[in-house]
Amino acid sequence: MVQQRLDRTQIVESAIAFVDAFGLSDLTMRRLGTALEVEAMALYRHISGRADLLEAMVEELIDGLFDDELMTEAAHSWEEYLQRVANATRKLALGHPRIFPLIATQPPAAPWLRPPLRSVRWVEEFLSSLQRFGFSDGEAVAAYKAFTSFLVGALLLQAASLSPDALGEEGEGADESSKTDLAQYPTVQRLQDLLMEDQAQREFDDTLDDLIERIRTSRDK
């Protein structure tokens, strides 16, 4: 292979593109080296190993949220701020459905960092932003915990539904589902069309509205 000059950023961005295309289980240092047209050993000058690479991918995507157009404009209320952060994170999850489960489940650097907003930079941004809107220390921390739990719960399933990896090898899960005799389950059979409707955006918005209302109510007590 022809050696080329690499840096850590280029390797991490290439790894993200690789996983978007082929899935997380296919990512190895050797395969990534092949994609970059370098020997795998060349990657180790910048990345200590696969675990370091995975954490760097998570950091790259999470920090990238700050550049989202929803985040570059100042919010005029804490409700608007939560809506902006939530929808920017949703765009990330739907744009990288094969990586978002890693963001949601990879152990953070500290136990008080909660996915998906799992960097110290994000905790500082989130807490300080809410405090500018009058949140107390306790209210801001409680909102961070509730909000991150909402994001993981709401987005992990959406991301999985978009990723072929969620279906198992060669989509075998879908094949087994299609073979199920629904005549044995009359309620499911009758409601199948409703179950198949894609209401993801509306459900996300409604659940976010419910969360905002709960936070508002808790602050009024």
N, C-alpha and C. Protein backbone atom coordinates (compact mmCIF):
# COMPACT_ATOMS: atom_id res chain seq x y z
N MET A 1 0.82 -1.18 0.00
CA MET A 1 0.00 0.00 0.00
C MET A 1 0.86 1.25 0.00
N VAL A 2 0.38 2.29 -0.63
CA VAL A 2 1.08 3.56 -0.64
C VAL A 2 0.75 4.29 0.66
N GLN A 3 1.78 4.62 1.46
CA GLN A 3 1.56 5.31 2.71
C GLN A 3 1.17 6.76 2.45
N GLN A 4 0.25 7.27 3.24
CA GLN A 4 -0.15 8.66 3.13
C GLN A 4 -0.11 9.28 4.51
N ARG A 5 -0.02 10.60 4.54
CA ARG A 5 0.00 11.31 5.81
C ARG A 5 -1.40 11.29 6.41
N LEU A 6 -1.45 10.89 7.68
CA LEU A 6 -2.71 10.79 8.38
C LEU A 6 -2.68 11.66 9.63
N ASP A 7 -3.85 12.04 10.09
CA ASP A 7 -3.96 12.63 11.41
C ASP A 7 -5.15 12.01 12.11
N ARG A 8 -5.29 12.26 13.39
CA ARG A 8 -6.34 11.62 14.19
C ARG A 8 -7.73 11.98 13.68
N THR A 9 -7.92 13.25 13.34
CA THR A 9 -9.23 13.68 12.85
C THR A 9 -9.63 12.94 11.59
N GLN A 10 -8.71 12.80 10.65
CA GLN A 10 -9.01 12.10 9.41
C GLN A 10 -9.38 10.63 9.67
N ILE A 11 -8.67 10.01 10.59
CA ILE A 11 -8.95 8.61 10.92
C ILE A 11 -10.34 8.47 11.54
N VAL A 12 -10.66 9.35 12.47
CA VAL A 12 -11.96 9.29 13.15
C VAL A 12 -13.10 9.54 12.17
N GLU A 13 -12.96 10.54 11.32
CA GLU A 13 -14.00 10.83 10.33
C GLU A 13 -14.16 9.67 9.35
N SER A 14 -13.07 9.03 8.99
CA SER A 14 -13.14 7.88 8.09
C SER A 14 -13.81 6.70 8.77
N ALA A 15 -13.56 6.54 10.06
CA ALA A 15 -14.20 5.45 10.81
C ALA A 15 -15.71 5.67 10.90
N ILE A 16 -16.13 6.90 11.09
CA ILE A 16 -17.57 7.21 11.12
C ILE A 16 -18.20 6.87 9.78
N ALA A 17 -17.55 7.28 8.70
CA ALA A 17 -18.08 6.98 7.36
C ALA A 17 -18.12 5.47 7.12
N PHE A 18 -17.11 4.75 7.61
CA PHE A 18 -17.06 3.30 7.44
C PHE A 18 -18.24 2.64 8.16
N VAL A 19 -18.48 3.02 9.40
CA VAL A 19 -19.57 2.41 10.16
C VAL A 19 -20.92 2.79 9.56
N ASP A 20 -21.06 4.03 9.10
CA ASP A 20 -22.30 4.42 8.42
C ASP A 20 -22.59 3.50 7.24
N ALA A 21 -21.53 3.09 6.55
CA ALA A 21 -21.70 2.28 5.33
C ALA A 21 -21.82 0.79 5.63
N PHE A 22 -21.04 0.30 6.60
CA PHE A 22 -20.92 -1.16 6.76
C PHE A 22 -21.37 -1.68 8.12
N GLY A 23 -21.53 -0.83 9.09
CA GLY A 23 -21.94 -1.27 10.42
C GLY A 23 -20.79 -1.36 11.39
N LEU A 24 -21.12 -1.25 12.67
CA LEU A 24 -20.10 -1.21 13.71
C LEU A 24 -19.35 -2.53 13.84
N SER A 25 -20.04 -3.64 13.65
CA SER A 25 -19.40 -4.95 13.83
C SER A 25 -18.31 -5.20 12.80
N ASP A 26 -18.37 -4.53 11.65
CA ASP A 26 -17.36 -4.72 10.61
C ASP A 26 -16.13 -3.85 10.81
N LEU A 27 -16.17 -2.93 11.76
CA LEU A 27 -15.05 -2.01 11.94
C LEU A 27 -13.90 -2.67 12.68
N THR A 28 -12.79 -2.81 12.00
CA THR A 28 -11.54 -3.23 12.61
C THR A 28 -10.45 -2.28 12.15
N MET A 29 -9.35 -2.26 12.86
CA MET A 29 -8.25 -1.39 12.46
C MET A 29 -7.72 -1.79 11.09
N ARG A 30 -7.70 -3.09 10.83
CA ARG A 30 -7.21 -3.56 9.53
C ARG A 30 -8.12 -3.10 8.39
N ARG A 31 -9.43 -3.26 8.57
CA ARG A 31 -10.36 -2.85 7.51
C ARG A 31 -10.37 -1.34 7.33
N LEU A 32 -10.25 -0.62 8.44
CA LEU A 32 -10.19 0.85 8.31
C LEU A 32 -8.91 1.26 7.59
N GLY A 33 -7.81 0.59 7.90
CA GLY A 33 -6.56 0.87 7.19
C GLY A 33 -6.70 0.63 5.70
N THR A 34 -7.37 -0.47 5.34
CA THR A 34 -7.59 -0.77 3.93
C THR A 34 -8.42 0.33 3.27
N ALA A 35 -9.45 0.81 3.97
CA ALA A 35 -10.28 1.88 3.42
C ALA A 35 -9.48 3.16 3.22
N LEU A 36 -8.50 3.39 4.09
CA LEU A 36 -7.67 4.59 3.99
C LEU A 36 -6.43 4.38 3.13
N GLU A 37 -6.28 3.14 2.64
CA GLU A 37 -5.14 2.76 1.79
C GLU A 37 -3.81 2.91 2.52
N VAL A 38 -3.82 2.47 3.78
CA VAL A 38 -2.59 2.43 4.58
C VAL A 38 -2.55 1.11 5.33
N GLU A 39 -1.38 0.76 5.82
CA GLU A 39 -1.27 -0.40 6.68
C GLU A 39 -1.94 -0.08 8.02
N ALA A 40 -2.52 -1.10 8.64
CA ALA A 40 -3.21 -0.89 9.91
C ALA A 40 -2.28 -0.29 10.96
N MET A 41 -1.00 -0.67 10.93
CA MET A 41 -0.06 -0.17 11.93
C MET A 41 0.09 1.34 11.86
N ALA A 42 -0.16 1.92 10.69
CA ALA A 42 -0.05 3.38 10.57
C ALA A 42 -1.10 4.08 11.41
N LEU A 43 -2.23 3.43 11.64
CA LEU A 43 -3.29 4.04 12.44
C LEU A 43 -2.89 4.16 13.90
N TYR A 44 -2.06 3.22 14.37
CA TYR A 44 -1.71 3.19 15.78
C TYR A 44 -0.78 4.33 16.19
N ARG A 45 -0.29 5.08 15.24
CA ARG A 45 0.48 6.27 15.59
C ARG A 45 -0.43 7.37 16.13
N HIS A 46 -1.73 7.25 15.83
CA HIS A 46 -2.68 8.29 16.21
C HIS A 46 -3.80 7.76 17.10
N ILE A 47 -4.09 6.45 17.02
CA ILE A 47 -5.18 5.82 17.76
C ILE A 47 -4.59 4.62 18.51
N SER A 48 -4.85 4.54 19.80
CA SER A 48 -4.23 3.47 20.59
C SER A 48 -4.87 2.11 20.35
N GLY A 49 -6.09 2.09 19.84
CA GLY A 49 -6.75 0.82 19.58
C GLY A 49 -8.22 1.06 19.26
N ARG A 50 -8.98 -0.02 19.12
CA ARG A 50 -10.38 0.10 18.73
C ARG A 50 -11.20 0.84 19.77
N ALA A 51 -10.94 0.58 21.06
CA ALA A 51 -11.69 1.26 22.11
C ALA A 51 -11.47 2.77 22.05
N ASP A 52 -10.24 3.17 21.84
CA ASP A 52 -9.92 4.60 21.70
C ASP A 52 -10.62 5.18 20.48
N LEU A 53 -10.66 4.41 19.41
CA LEU A 53 -11.30 4.87 18.18
C LEU A 53 -12.80 5.07 18.39
N LEU A 54 -13.45 4.11 19.06
CA LEU A 54 -14.89 4.23 19.30
C LEU A 54 -15.21 5.46 20.14
N GLU A 55 -14.43 5.69 21.17
CA GLU A 55 -14.68 6.86 22.02
C GLU A 55 -14.46 8.14 21.24
N ALA A 56 -13.45 8.15 20.38
CA ALA A 56 -13.18 9.34 19.57
C ALA A 56 -14.32 9.60 18.58
N MET A 57 -14.90 8.55 18.04
CA MET A 57 -16.04 8.70 17.13
C MET A 57 -17.22 9.34 17.86
N VAL A 58 -17.49 8.85 19.07
CA VAL A 58 -18.58 9.40 19.87
C VAL A 58 -18.34 10.88 20.15
N GLU A 59 -17.12 11.21 20.58
CA GLU A 59 -16.80 12.61 20.88
C GLU A 59 -16.96 13.49 19.65
N GLU A 60 -16.51 13.01 18.51
CA GLU A 60 -16.60 13.79 17.28
C GLU A 60 -18.05 14.11 16.94
N LEU A 61 -18.93 13.13 17.03
CA LEU A 61 -20.33 13.34 16.67
C LEU A 61 -21.06 14.20 17.70
N ILE A 62 -20.81 13.97 18.97
CA ILE A 62 -21.48 14.74 20.01
C ILE A 62 -21.02 16.19 19.98
N ASP A 63 -19.72 16.42 19.85
CA ASP A 63 -19.22 17.80 19.75
C ASP A 63 -19.73 18.48 18.48
N GLY A 64 -19.96 17.68 17.44
CA GLY A 64 -20.47 18.23 16.19
C GLY A 64 -21.87 18.83 16.32
N LEU A 65 -22.60 18.45 17.37
CA LEU A 65 -23.92 19.02 17.59
C LEU A 65 -23.87 20.53 17.79
N PHE A 66 -22.75 21.01 18.32
CA PHE A 66 -22.63 22.45 18.56
C PHE A 66 -22.64 23.24 17.25
N ASP A 67 -22.29 22.59 16.15
CA ASP A 67 -22.27 23.26 14.86
C ASP A 67 -23.58 23.13 14.09
N ASP A 68 -24.53 22.35 14.64
CA ASP A 68 -25.82 22.21 13.98
C ASP A 68 -26.51 23.57 13.93
N GLU A 69 -27.22 23.83 12.84
CA GLU A 69 -27.88 25.12 12.67
C GLU A 69 -28.89 25.41 13.79
N LEU A 70 -29.44 24.36 14.38
CA LEU A 70 -30.37 24.56 15.48
C LEU A 70 -29.68 25.08 16.73
N MET A 71 -28.37 24.83 16.82
CA MET A 71 -27.64 25.22 18.02
C MET A 71 -26.87 26.52 17.84
N THR A 72 -26.75 27.00 16.63
CA THR A 72 -25.96 28.21 16.40
C THR A 72 -26.77 29.49 16.62
N GLU A 73 -28.09 29.36 16.76
CA GLU A 73 -28.94 30.50 17.08
C GLU A 73 -29.33 30.45 18.55
N ALA A 74 -29.33 31.60 19.20
CA ALA A 74 -29.65 31.66 20.62
C ALA A 74 -31.14 31.39 20.85
N ALA A 75 -31.43 30.56 21.85
CA ALA A 75 -32.82 30.30 22.23
C ALA A 75 -33.33 31.44 23.11
N HIS A 76 -34.63 31.72 23.02
CA HIS A 76 -35.23 32.82 23.77
C HIS A 76 -35.92 32.34 25.04
N SER A 77 -35.96 31.04 25.25
CA SER A 77 -36.56 30.48 26.47
C SER A 77 -35.94 29.12 26.71
N TRP A 78 -36.09 28.62 27.93
CA TRP A 78 -35.53 27.30 28.21
C TRP A 78 -36.29 26.22 27.45
N GLU A 79 -37.59 26.45 27.23
CA GLU A 79 -38.36 25.49 26.45
C GLU A 79 -37.83 25.39 25.01
N GLU A 80 -37.56 26.55 24.42
CA GLU A 80 -37.00 26.56 23.06
C GLU A 80 -35.62 25.92 23.04
N TYR A 81 -34.84 26.16 24.09
CA TYR A 81 -33.50 25.56 24.15
C TYR A 81 -33.59 24.04 24.15
N LEU A 82 -34.47 23.47 24.98
CA LEU A 82 -34.61 22.02 25.01
C LEU A 82 -35.09 21.48 23.67
N GLN A 83 -35.99 22.20 23.03
CA GLN A 83 -36.47 21.75 21.72
C GLN A 83 -35.35 21.76 20.68
N ARG A 84 -34.49 22.78 20.74
CA ARG A 84 -33.38 22.86 19.79
C ARG A 84 -32.38 21.72 20.00
N VAL A 85 -32.03 21.49 21.26
CA VAL A 85 -31.08 20.41 21.55
C VAL A 85 -31.68 19.06 21.18
N ALA A 86 -32.94 18.85 21.51
CA ALA A 86 -33.59 17.57 21.22
C ALA A 86 -33.62 17.28 19.73
N ASN A 87 -34.00 18.27 18.94
CA ASN A 87 -34.12 18.04 17.49
C ASN A 87 -32.76 17.95 16.80
N ALA A 88 -31.76 18.66 17.33
CA ALA A 88 -30.41 18.50 16.78
C ALA A 88 -29.90 17.09 17.06
N THR A 89 -30.17 16.57 18.26
CA THR A 89 -29.76 15.21 18.61
C THR A 89 -30.51 14.19 17.78
N ARG A 90 -31.79 14.45 17.51
CA ARG A 90 -32.57 13.54 16.67
C ARG A 90 -31.99 13.49 15.26
N LYS A 91 -31.58 14.63 14.73
CA LYS A 91 -30.95 14.64 13.41
C LYS A 91 -29.68 13.80 13.41
N LEU A 92 -28.91 13.88 14.51
CA LEU A 92 -27.70 13.07 14.63
C LEU A 92 -28.04 11.59 14.63
N ALA A 93 -29.04 11.21 15.42
CA ALA A 93 -29.41 9.80 15.52
C ALA A 93 -29.89 9.24 14.19
N LEU A 94 -30.71 10.01 13.47
CA LEU A 94 -31.24 9.54 12.20
C LEU A 94 -30.20 9.62 11.09
N GLY A 95 -29.23 10.51 11.24
CA GLY A 95 -28.17 10.60 10.25
C GLY A 95 -27.10 9.54 10.41
N HIS A 96 -26.97 9.01 11.62
CA HIS A 96 -25.97 7.97 11.90
C HIS A 96 -26.61 6.85 12.72
N PRO A 97 -27.61 6.17 12.17
CA PRO A 97 -28.35 5.17 12.96
C PRO A 97 -27.52 3.99 13.40
N ARG A 98 -26.42 3.70 12.68
CA ARG A 98 -25.58 2.57 13.08
C ARG A 98 -24.60 2.96 14.18
N ILE A 99 -24.43 4.25 14.42
CA ILE A 99 -23.50 4.70 15.45
C ILE A 99 -24.23 5.18 16.69
N PHE A 100 -25.46 5.65 16.55
CA PHE A 100 -26.16 6.19 17.71
C PHE A 100 -26.28 5.19 18.86
N PRO A 101 -26.54 3.89 18.60
CA PRO A 101 -26.56 2.95 19.72
C PRO A 101 -25.24 2.94 20.50
N LEU A 102 -24.13 3.16 19.82
CA LEU A 102 -22.84 3.26 20.50
C LEU A 102 -22.81 4.50 21.39
N ILE A 103 -23.30 5.62 20.86
CA ILE A 103 -23.36 6.86 21.65
C ILE A 103 -24.21 6.65 22.89
N ALA A 104 -25.30 5.90 22.75
CA ALA A 104 -26.24 5.71 23.84
C ALA A 104 -25.76 4.71 24.88
N THR A 105 -24.86 3.79 24.49
CA THR A 105 -24.51 2.69 25.39
C THR A 105 -23.04 2.64 25.78
N GLN A 106 -22.15 3.30 25.04
CA GLN A 106 -20.73 3.30 25.37
C GLN A 106 -20.52 3.91 26.75
N PRO A 107 -19.80 3.23 27.66
CA PRO A 107 -19.59 3.79 29.00
C PRO A 107 -18.92 5.16 28.92
N PRO A 108 -19.46 6.17 29.60
CA PRO A 108 -18.87 7.51 29.56
C PRO A 108 -17.61 7.58 30.41
N ALA A 109 -16.88 8.67 30.26
CA ALA A 109 -15.63 8.84 30.99
C ALA A 109 -15.86 9.01 32.49
N ALA A 110 -17.02 9.50 32.88
CA ALA A 110 -17.37 9.67 34.29
C ALA A 110 -18.81 9.23 34.48
N PRO A 111 -19.15 8.66 35.65
CA PRO A 111 -20.50 8.11 35.84
C PRO A 111 -21.59 9.17 35.80
N TRP A 112 -21.25 10.43 36.04
CA TRP A 112 -22.27 11.48 36.02
C TRP A 112 -22.46 12.08 34.64
N LEU A 113 -21.72 11.60 33.65
CA LEU A 113 -21.96 11.98 32.25
C LEU A 113 -22.97 11.02 31.68
N ARG A 114 -24.07 11.54 31.19
CA ARG A 114 -25.17 10.69 30.73
C ARG A 114 -25.33 10.79 29.22
N PRO A 115 -25.38 9.63 28.54
CA PRO A 115 -25.61 9.68 27.11
C PRO A 115 -27.01 10.19 26.82
N PRO A 116 -27.22 10.78 25.63
CA PRO A 116 -26.22 11.02 24.59
C PRO A 116 -25.40 12.30 24.78
N LEU A 117 -25.79 13.20 25.70
CA LEU A 117 -25.03 14.44 25.93
C LEU A 117 -23.95 14.13 26.96
N ARG A 118 -22.93 13.39 26.54
CA ARG A 118 -22.06 12.68 27.44
C ARG A 118 -20.66 13.25 27.55
N SER A 119 -20.48 14.52 27.20
CA SER A 119 -19.17 15.15 27.34
C SER A 119 -19.26 16.25 28.39
N VAL A 120 -18.13 16.56 29.02
CA VAL A 120 -18.09 17.64 30.00
C VAL A 120 -18.50 18.95 29.33
N ARG A 121 -18.09 19.13 28.08
CA ARG A 121 -18.47 20.34 27.35
C ARG A 121 -19.98 20.46 27.27
N TRP A 122 -20.67 19.33 27.02
CA TRP A 122 -22.12 19.38 26.90
C TRP A 122 -22.79 19.61 28.24
N VAL A 123 -22.28 19.00 29.29
CA VAL A 123 -22.86 19.22 30.62
C VAL A 123 -22.74 20.69 31.00
N GLU A 124 -21.56 21.28 30.75
CA GLU A 124 -21.36 22.70 31.04
C GLU A 124 -22.33 23.56 30.23
N GLU A 125 -22.45 23.27 28.96
CA GLU A 125 -23.35 24.03 28.08
C GLU A 125 -24.80 23.92 28.55
N PHE A 126 -25.22 22.70 28.83
CA PHE A 126 -26.62 22.45 29.19
C PHE A 126 -26.97 23.12 30.52
N LEU A 127 -26.17 22.86 31.55
CA LEU A 127 -26.48 23.40 32.88
C LEU A 127 -26.41 24.91 32.90
N SER A 128 -25.37 25.47 32.30
CA SER A 128 -25.23 26.93 32.31
C SER A 128 -26.33 27.60 31.50
N SER A 129 -26.77 26.97 30.41
CA SER A 129 -27.85 27.54 29.60
C SER A 129 -29.15 27.59 30.40
N LEU A 130 -29.48 26.50 31.09
CA LEU A 130 -30.70 26.50 31.89
C LEU A 130 -30.61 27.50 33.04
N GLN A 131 -29.43 27.65 33.62
CA GLN A 131 -29.30 28.60 34.72
C GLN A 131 -29.43 30.04 34.24
N ARG A 132 -29.09 30.30 32.99
CA ARG A 132 -29.32 31.64 32.45
C ARG A 132 -30.82 31.94 32.35
N PHE A 133 -31.63 30.88 32.29
CA PHE A 133 -33.08 31.07 32.26
C PHE A 133 -33.69 30.93 33.65
N GLY A 134 -32.87 30.99 34.67
CA GLY A 134 -33.37 31.04 36.03
C GLY A 134 -33.46 29.72 36.77
N PHE A 135 -32.93 28.64 36.21
CA PHE A 135 -32.95 27.35 36.90
C PHE A 135 -31.97 27.38 38.07
N SER A 136 -32.37 26.78 39.19
CA SER A 136 -31.45 26.60 40.30
C SER A 136 -30.49 25.45 39.97
N ASP A 137 -29.48 25.26 40.81
CA ASP A 137 -28.55 24.15 40.60
C ASP A 137 -29.29 22.82 40.53
N GLY A 138 -30.16 22.58 41.52
CA GLY A 138 -30.88 21.31 41.56
C GLY A 138 -31.83 21.14 40.39
N GLU A 139 -32.50 22.21 39.99
CA GLU A 139 -33.43 22.13 38.86
C GLU A 139 -32.69 21.84 37.57
N ALA A 140 -31.52 22.46 37.38
CA ALA A 140 -30.76 22.24 36.15
C ALA A 140 -30.25 20.81 36.06
N VAL A 141 -29.74 20.28 37.16
CA VAL A 141 -29.23 18.91 37.17
C VAL A 141 -30.38 17.91 36.96
N ALA A 142 -31.51 18.14 37.62
CA ALA A 142 -32.66 17.25 37.44
C ALA A 142 -33.14 17.28 35.99
N ALA A 143 -33.13 18.46 35.37
CA ALA A 143 -33.56 18.57 33.97
C ALA A 143 -32.58 17.84 33.05
N TYR A 144 -31.28 17.94 33.34
CA TYR A 144 -30.27 17.23 32.54
C TYR A 144 -30.51 15.73 32.59
N LYS A 145 -30.78 15.20 33.78
CA LYS A 145 -31.00 13.76 33.92
C LYS A 145 -32.28 13.32 33.21
N ALA A 146 -33.35 14.07 33.39
CA ALA A 146 -34.62 13.71 32.75
C ALA A 146 -34.54 13.84 31.24
N PHE A 147 -33.88 14.89 30.78
CA PHE A 147 -33.79 15.16 29.35
C PHE A 147 -32.95 14.11 28.63
N THR A 148 -31.81 13.74 29.21
CA THR A 148 -30.96 12.73 28.57
C THR A 148 -31.65 11.37 28.57
N SER A 149 -32.39 11.05 29.63
CA SER A 149 -33.14 9.79 29.64
C SER A 149 -34.19 9.78 28.52
N PHE A 150 -34.85 10.91 28.35
CA PHE A 150 -35.83 11.04 27.26
C PHE A 150 -35.17 10.82 25.91
N LEU A 151 -34.02 11.46 25.68
CA LEU A 151 -33.36 11.35 24.37
C LEU A 151 -32.97 9.91 24.06
N VAL A 152 -32.38 9.23 25.03
CA VAL A 152 -31.98 7.84 24.79
C VAL A 152 -33.20 6.98 24.50
N GLY A 153 -34.22 7.10 25.32
CA GLY A 153 -35.41 6.28 25.12
C GLY A 153 -36.12 6.56 23.81
N ALA A 154 -36.21 7.84 23.44
CA ALA A 154 -36.95 8.22 22.25
C ALA A 154 -36.19 7.92 20.97
N LEU A 155 -34.86 8.03 21.03
CA LEU A 155 -34.07 7.97 19.79
C LEU A 155 -33.43 6.62 19.52
N LEU A 156 -33.19 5.84 20.55
CA LEU A 156 -32.52 4.56 20.33
C LEU A 156 -33.36 3.64 19.46
N LEU A 157 -34.66 3.59 19.73
CA LEU A 157 -35.55 2.75 18.92
C LEU A 157 -35.66 3.28 17.50
N GLN A 158 -35.73 4.61 17.33
CA GLN A 158 -35.82 5.19 15.99
C GLN A 158 -34.56 4.87 15.19
N ALA A 159 -33.40 5.00 15.82
CA ALA A 159 -32.15 4.71 15.12
C ALA A 159 -32.08 3.24 14.73
N ALA A 160 -32.48 2.37 15.65
CA ALA A 160 -32.43 0.93 15.37
C ALA A 160 -33.35 0.56 14.21
N SER A 161 -34.49 1.24 14.10
CA SER A 161 -35.44 0.92 13.03
C SER A 161 -34.89 1.29 11.65
N LEU A 162 -33.91 2.20 11.62
CA LEU A 162 -33.33 2.63 10.35
C LEU A 162 -32.08 1.86 9.98
N SER A 163 -31.55 1.09 10.91
CA SER A 163 -30.29 0.39 10.67
C SER A 163 -30.53 -1.05 10.27
N PRO A 164 -29.97 -1.50 9.15
CA PRO A 164 -30.11 -2.91 8.76
C PRO A 164 -29.58 -3.86 9.82
N ASP A 165 -28.61 -3.40 10.64
CA ASP A 165 -28.05 -4.26 11.68
C ASP A 165 -29.11 -4.70 12.68
N ALA A 166 -30.16 -3.90 12.84
CA ALA A 166 -31.20 -4.23 13.81
C ALA A 166 -31.99 -5.46 13.39
N LEU A 167 -31.89 -5.84 12.12
CA LEU A 167 -32.65 -6.98 11.60
C LEU A 167 -31.89 -8.29 11.72
N GLY A 168 -30.65 -8.22 12.16
CA GLY A 168 -29.85 -9.43 12.23
C GLY A 168 -29.18 -9.71 10.90
N GLU A 169 -28.52 -10.85 10.82
CA GLU A 169 -27.79 -11.22 9.62
C GLU A 169 -28.73 -11.36 8.43
N GLU A 170 -28.43 -10.59 7.39
CA GLU A 170 -29.14 -10.67 6.12
C GLU A 170 -30.65 -10.48 6.29
N GLY A 171 -31.01 -9.65 7.30
CA GLY A 171 -32.43 -9.33 7.47
C GLY A 171 -33.28 -10.50 7.90
N GLU A 172 -32.67 -11.47 8.62
CA GLU A 172 -33.42 -12.68 8.97
C GLU A 172 -34.58 -12.37 9.91
N GLY A 173 -34.46 -11.30 10.72
CA GLY A 173 -35.55 -10.94 11.62
C GLY A 173 -36.80 -10.59 10.86
N ALA A 174 -36.63 -9.84 9.77
CA ALA A 174 -37.77 -9.44 8.97
C ALA A 174 -38.42 -10.65 8.32
N ASP A 175 -37.61 -11.63 7.89
CA ASP A 175 -38.15 -12.82 7.26
C ASP A 175 -39.01 -13.60 8.24
N GLU A 176 -38.51 -13.76 9.47
CA GLU A 176 -39.26 -14.52 10.46
C GLU A 176 -40.57 -13.82 10.79
N SER A 177 -40.52 -12.47 10.87
CA SER A 177 -41.74 -11.72 11.18
C SER A 177 -42.78 -11.90 10.10
N SER A 178 -42.34 -11.88 8.83
CA SER A 178 -43.29 -11.99 7.73
C SER A 178 -43.92 -13.38 7.65
N LYS A 179 -43.26 -14.39 8.27
CA LYS A 179 -43.79 -15.74 8.23
C LYS A 179 -44.78 -16.01 9.37
N THR A 180 -44.88 -15.10 10.32
CA THR A 180 -45.77 -15.30 11.45
C THR A 180 -47.22 -15.32 11.00
N ASP A 181 -47.95 -16.32 11.45
CA ASP A 181 -49.36 -16.44 11.11
C ASP A 181 -50.17 -15.55 12.06
N LEU A 182 -50.54 -14.36 11.58
CA LEU A 182 -51.25 -13.41 12.43
C LEU A 182 -52.68 -13.82 12.72
N ALA A 183 -53.16 -14.86 12.04
CA ALA A 183 -54.51 -15.34 12.34
C ALA A 183 -54.60 -15.82 13.79
N GLN A 184 -53.47 -16.18 14.37
CA GLN A 184 -53.45 -16.61 15.76
C GLN A 184 -53.54 -15.43 16.72
N TYR A 185 -53.34 -14.22 16.19
CA TYR A 185 -53.32 -13.01 17.01
C TYR A 185 -54.28 -12.00 16.40
N PRO A 186 -55.58 -12.19 16.58
CA PRO A 186 -56.58 -11.39 15.86
C PRO A 186 -56.51 -9.89 16.14
N THR A 187 -56.16 -9.49 17.37
CA THR A 187 -56.07 -8.07 17.66
C THR A 187 -54.92 -7.43 16.90
N VAL A 188 -53.77 -8.11 16.89
CA VAL A 188 -52.62 -7.61 16.14
C VAL A 188 -52.94 -7.55 14.66
N GLN A 189 -53.60 -8.59 14.15
CA GLN A 189 -53.94 -8.61 12.73
C GLN A 189 -54.87 -7.45 12.37
N ARG A 190 -55.85 -7.18 13.22
CA ARG A 190 -56.81 -6.11 12.94
C ARG A 190 -56.14 -4.73 13.00
N LEU A 191 -55.19 -4.58 13.88
CA LEU A 191 -54.55 -3.27 14.07
C LEU A 191 -53.21 -3.15 13.36
N GLN A 192 -52.89 -4.08 12.48
CA GLN A 192 -51.57 -4.11 11.84
C GLN A 192 -51.25 -2.82 11.10
N ASP A 193 -52.22 -2.29 10.36
CA ASP A 193 -51.96 -1.06 9.60
C ASP A 193 -51.62 0.11 10.53
N LEU A 194 -52.34 0.20 11.64
CA LEU A 194 -52.06 1.27 12.60
C LEU A 194 -50.69 1.08 13.23
N LEU A 195 -50.33 -0.17 13.54
CA LEU A 195 -49.03 -0.45 14.13
C LEU A 195 -47.89 -0.09 13.18
N MET A 196 -48.13 -0.19 11.90
CA MET A 196 -47.08 0.06 10.91
C MET A 196 -46.95 1.53 10.53
N GLU A 197 -47.90 2.37 10.97
CA GLU A 197 -47.82 3.79 10.64
C GLU A 197 -46.58 4.42 11.27
N ASP A 198 -45.89 5.25 10.49
CA ASP A 198 -44.71 5.94 10.99
C ASP A 198 -45.12 7.30 11.56
N GLN A 199 -45.19 7.37 12.86
CA GLN A 199 -45.54 8.60 13.56
C GLN A 199 -44.37 9.05 14.43
N ALA A 200 -43.15 8.72 14.01
CA ALA A 200 -41.98 8.95 14.86
C ALA A 200 -41.80 10.41 15.24
N GLN A 201 -41.92 11.32 14.25
CA GLN A 201 -41.70 12.73 14.56
C GLN A 201 -42.77 13.25 15.51
N ARG A 202 -44.03 12.89 15.27
CA ARG A 202 -45.10 13.37 16.14
C ARG A 202 -44.95 12.81 17.54
N GLU A 203 -44.61 11.52 17.64
CA GLU A 203 -44.43 10.91 18.95
C GLU A 203 -43.27 11.57 19.69
N PHE A 204 -42.19 11.86 18.96
CA PHE A 204 -41.04 12.54 19.57
C PHE A 204 -41.44 13.91 20.10
N ASP A 205 -42.14 14.67 19.27
CA ASP A 205 -42.57 16.02 19.67
C ASP A 205 -43.52 15.97 20.86
N ASP A 206 -44.47 15.03 20.83
CA ASP A 206 -45.44 14.94 21.92
C ASP A 206 -44.76 14.57 23.24
N THR A 207 -43.84 13.62 23.17
CA THR A 207 -43.14 13.20 24.40
C THR A 207 -42.26 14.32 24.92
N LEU A 208 -41.62 15.06 24.01
CA LEU A 208 -40.81 16.21 24.43
C LEU A 208 -41.69 17.27 25.08
N ASP A 209 -42.85 17.53 24.51
CA ASP A 209 -43.78 18.49 25.11
C ASP A 209 -44.20 18.05 26.52
N ASP A 210 -44.45 16.75 26.68
CA ASP A 210 -44.82 16.23 28.00
C ASP A 210 -43.69 16.44 29.01
N LEU A 211 -42.46 16.20 28.56
CA LEU A 211 -41.30 16.38 29.44
C LEU A 211 -41.17 17.85 29.85
N ILE A 212 -41.29 18.74 28.88
CA ILE A 212 -41.19 20.17 29.18
C ILE A 212 -42.27 20.59 30.17
N GLU A 213 -43.46 20.05 30.01
CA GLU A 213 -44.54 20.38 30.94
C GLU A 213 -44.23 19.86 32.35
N ARG A 214 -43.65 18.67 32.45
CA ARG A 214 -43.29 18.12 33.76
C ARG A 214 -42.22 18.98 34.42
N ILE A 215 -41.25 19.42 33.64
CA ILE A 215 -40.20 20.28 34.20
C ILE A 215 -40.80 21.60 34.66
N ARG A 216 -41.69 22.17 33.85
CA ARG A 216 -42.33 23.43 34.22
C ARG A 216 -43.13 23.28 35.52
N THR A 217 -43.87 22.18 35.63
CA THR A 217 -44.69 21.94 36.82
C THR A 217 -43.81 21.77 38.07
N SER A 218 -42.70 21.04 37.93
CA SER A 218 -41.82 20.81 39.07
C SER A 218 -41.17 22.11 39.54
N ARG A 219 -40.93 23.04 38.62
CA ARG A 219 -40.34 24.32 38.99
C ARG A 219 -41.34 25.25 39.65
N ASP A 220 -42.61 25.04 39.40
CA ASP A 220 -43.65 25.90 39.96
C ASP A 220 -44.02 25.53 41.39
N LYS A 221 -43.57 24.35 41.84
CA LYS A 221 -43.95 23.87 43.17
C LYS A 221 -43.22 24.68 44.24
